Protein backbone atom coordinates (compact mmCIF):
# COMPACT_ATOMS: atom_id res chain seq x y z
CA MET A 1 -5.84 -164.15 -65.24
CA LEU A 2 -2.40 -162.81 -66.24
CA ARG A 3 0.28 -162.78 -63.55
CA GLN A 4 4.01 -163.06 -62.95
CA GLU A 5 5.35 -166.61 -62.98
CA ILE A 6 6.44 -167.93 -59.58
CA PRO A 7 8.83 -170.82 -58.82
CA GLU A 8 5.90 -173.12 -58.03
CA ASP A 9 4.83 -172.72 -61.68
CA TYR A 10 8.12 -173.80 -63.24
CA LYS A 11 7.36 -177.48 -63.92
CA GLU A 12 3.86 -176.75 -65.25
CA VAL A 13 5.19 -173.96 -67.48
CA GLU A 14 7.89 -176.23 -68.88
CA ARG A 15 5.25 -178.89 -69.69
CA LEU A 16 3.13 -176.21 -71.38
CA VAL A 17 6.10 -174.95 -73.42
CA TYR A 18 6.94 -178.48 -74.57
CA SER A 19 3.31 -179.12 -75.49
CA ALA A 20 3.00 -175.82 -77.37
CA PHE A 21 6.05 -176.57 -79.54
CA GLU A 22 5.53 -180.33 -79.89
CA ASN A 23 3.63 -180.11 -83.17
CA SER A 24 5.44 -177.09 -84.57
CA SER A 25 6.80 -177.44 -88.08
CA LEU A 26 10.03 -175.98 -86.71
CA PHE A 27 10.77 -179.33 -85.07
CA ASN A 28 10.17 -181.82 -87.87
CA TYR A 29 13.84 -182.75 -87.90
CA GLN A 30 15.17 -181.73 -84.51
CA GLU A 31 14.57 -182.12 -80.80
CA ILE A 32 12.12 -179.83 -79.04
CA THR A 33 14.22 -177.72 -76.67
CA GLU A 34 12.16 -174.60 -75.88
CA HIS A 35 11.17 -175.93 -72.44
CA LYS A 36 14.86 -176.40 -71.60
CA LEU A 37 15.59 -172.89 -72.86
CA VAL A 38 13.00 -171.44 -70.46
CA ALA A 39 14.67 -173.21 -67.51
CA LYS A 40 18.13 -171.98 -68.55
CA LEU A 41 16.95 -168.40 -69.18
CA ARG A 42 15.49 -168.21 -65.67
CA GLU A 43 19.03 -168.77 -64.37
CA SER A 44 20.71 -166.35 -66.77
CA GLU A 45 21.80 -162.81 -66.01
CA GLY A 46 19.29 -161.54 -68.58
CA PHE A 47 16.32 -162.89 -66.61
CA VAL A 48 13.79 -160.29 -65.45
CA PRO A 49 11.25 -162.03 -63.15
CA GLU A 50 8.53 -159.45 -63.86
CA LEU A 51 8.74 -160.38 -67.55
CA SER A 52 8.02 -164.08 -67.11
CA ILE A 53 4.23 -164.01 -67.31
CA VAL A 54 1.61 -166.74 -67.26
CA VAL A 55 -2.05 -166.93 -68.15
CA GLN A 56 -3.90 -168.95 -65.53
CA GLU A 57 -7.43 -170.23 -66.05
CA GLY A 58 -8.76 -171.86 -62.92
CA TRP A 59 -5.95 -174.03 -61.61
CA GLU A 60 -4.32 -174.49 -65.01
CA ILE A 61 -1.61 -172.44 -66.71
CA THR A 62 -2.65 -172.03 -70.35
CA GLY A 63 -0.06 -169.55 -71.63
CA HIS A 64 3.43 -168.21 -70.90
CA ILE A 65 5.74 -165.54 -72.26
CA LEU A 66 9.34 -164.80 -71.34
CA LEU A 67 11.29 -161.64 -72.14
CA THR A 68 15.00 -161.52 -71.28
CA LYS A 69 17.68 -158.87 -71.70
CA VAL A 70 19.98 -159.02 -74.72
CA ASN A 71 22.18 -156.42 -76.38
CA ILE A 72 22.47 -154.88 -79.79
CA LYS A 73 26.13 -154.27 -80.55
CA THR A 74 25.97 -151.15 -82.68
CA GLN A 75 28.35 -150.43 -85.53
CA SER A 76 30.09 -147.91 -83.25
CA GLY A 77 30.69 -150.68 -80.68
CA GLU A 78 28.12 -149.42 -78.17
CA LEU A 79 25.91 -151.99 -76.43
CA LYS A 80 22.23 -151.08 -76.49
CA GLU A 81 20.01 -153.18 -74.22
CA VAL A 82 16.76 -154.61 -75.60
CA LEU A 83 14.47 -157.48 -74.64
CA ALA A 84 14.21 -160.79 -76.48
CA LEU A 85 10.81 -162.46 -76.58
CA ALA A 86 11.55 -166.17 -76.39
CA PRO A 87 9.55 -168.21 -76.14
CA MET A 88 5.83 -167.53 -76.07
CA SER A 89 3.70 -170.62 -75.52
CA VAL A 90 -0.03 -171.23 -75.55
CA MET A 91 -1.81 -174.50 -74.82
CA PRO A 92 -2.41 -176.06 -78.26
CA VAL A 93 -6.20 -176.14 -77.92
CA LEU A 94 -6.18 -172.38 -77.18
CA GLN A 95 -3.81 -171.30 -79.94
CA LYS A 96 -5.28 -168.68 -82.29
CA THR A 97 -7.81 -167.54 -79.66
CA GLY A 98 -6.05 -164.33 -78.55
CA VAL A 99 -4.12 -165.72 -75.58
CA GLY A 100 -0.79 -164.95 -77.28
CA LEU A 101 -1.88 -161.40 -78.01
CA GLN A 102 -2.84 -160.93 -74.34
CA LEU A 103 0.63 -162.10 -73.34
CA ILE A 104 2.34 -159.76 -75.81
CA MET A 105 0.26 -156.77 -74.69
CA GLU A 106 0.80 -157.42 -70.97
CA SER A 107 4.53 -158.07 -71.28
CA THR A 108 4.96 -154.99 -73.50
CA GLU A 109 3.23 -152.77 -70.94
CA ILE A 110 5.35 -154.12 -68.10
CA ALA A 111 8.53 -153.74 -70.18
CA LYS A 112 7.63 -150.09 -70.88
CA LYS A 113 7.02 -149.44 -67.17
CA LEU A 114 10.42 -150.99 -66.39
CA GLY A 115 12.03 -148.58 -68.86
CA PHE A 116 13.02 -150.92 -71.68
CA GLY A 117 13.23 -149.35 -75.14
CA ALA A 118 12.67 -152.19 -77.62
CA LEU A 119 11.64 -155.80 -77.99
CA VAL A 120 13.02 -158.36 -80.49
CA VAL A 121 11.66 -161.72 -81.55
CA LEU A 122 12.51 -164.50 -83.95
CA GLY A 123 9.06 -165.53 -85.07
CA HIS A 124 6.33 -166.09 -87.60
CA LYS A 125 6.17 -163.63 -90.51
CA GLU A 126 2.38 -163.57 -90.48
CA TYR A 127 1.89 -163.11 -86.74
CA TYR A 128 4.26 -160.49 -85.33
CA PRO A 129 3.82 -157.71 -87.93
CA LYS A 130 0.10 -157.65 -87.04
CA HIS A 131 1.11 -156.64 -83.51
CA GLY A 132 3.42 -153.73 -84.23
CA PHE A 133 6.66 -155.59 -84.94
CA LYS A 134 8.77 -154.63 -87.95
CA LEU A 135 11.51 -156.53 -89.69
CA ALA A 136 14.77 -155.79 -87.91
CA LYS A 137 16.52 -155.48 -91.27
CA ASN A 138 14.47 -152.30 -91.83
CA TYR A 139 16.57 -150.80 -89.02
CA ASP A 140 19.77 -152.38 -90.42
CA ILE A 141 19.77 -154.76 -87.46
CA THR A 142 20.75 -158.43 -87.75
CA CYS A 143 21.57 -161.05 -85.13
CA ASN A 144 24.20 -163.66 -84.38
CA ILE A 145 22.02 -166.47 -85.77
CA ASP A 146 22.45 -167.28 -89.47
CA ASP A 147 19.75 -166.96 -92.13
CA VAL A 148 16.91 -165.53 -90.00
CA GLU A 149 16.57 -162.03 -91.50
CA ASP A 150 13.01 -162.71 -92.68
CA PHE A 151 11.98 -163.91 -89.21
CA LEU A 152 13.75 -161.34 -87.00
CA PHE A 153 11.36 -158.64 -85.83
CA ILE A 154 11.71 -155.65 -83.56
CA LYS A 155 9.28 -153.29 -81.85
CA GLU A 156 10.17 -149.95 -80.32
CA LEU A 157 8.74 -149.40 -76.86
CA LYS A 158 10.18 -145.87 -76.68
CA ASP A 159 9.87 -143.66 -79.74
CA GLY A 160 13.26 -143.19 -81.40
CA TYR A 161 15.04 -145.81 -79.26
CA LEU A 162 16.39 -147.52 -82.38
CA HIS A 163 17.40 -144.34 -84.18
CA ASP A 164 20.95 -144.82 -85.54
CA CYS A 165 21.11 -148.23 -83.87
CA SER A 166 22.20 -150.46 -86.75
CA GLY A 167 24.13 -153.46 -85.52
CA VAL A 168 23.89 -157.07 -84.35
CA ILE A 169 21.59 -158.51 -81.69
CA GLU A 170 23.80 -160.70 -79.54
CA TYR A 171 21.76 -163.66 -78.36
CA PRO A 172 23.68 -165.15 -75.42
CA ALA A 173 25.14 -168.66 -75.44
CA VAL A 174 22.15 -170.09 -73.55
CA PHE A 175 20.12 -169.76 -76.78
CA PHE A 176 22.52 -172.13 -78.53
CA GLU A 177 22.88 -174.87 -75.91
């Protein structure tokens, strides 16, 4: 069952996020912090409660996705609001079974209904393009994190939303703490 996360889920979701990233090759030489990021994002001004979604099977939460508001600062100086997918977590034993795709599809539909125009993610090159994401550099869009151009993807939720939108995605300070 997919549903909106509620405060009673927070501790279980944070354990799930830690578990999902514990064996990731991204963390061979650094501390796992994604679970802390989730907690901080819930308290940020970019938090949209409807876009913090869990997969619950029986009494257990087996997946979670969080989309928060960020801006693209265009070359003309305009701020264009988009959503950042970060992070998406699936119980290790259920990874590669379609749970992540369910989370992406559900969160994308809710984001569209809420009127958001695009979704960005820093993620795996093999995974996100299969689900409609394109390299942000194809739109002449970068971000304020160094050396991630080959991992920064974007997906339009409204046709033409990114037309003439070249610029820099401004991940807020909470992503760097």
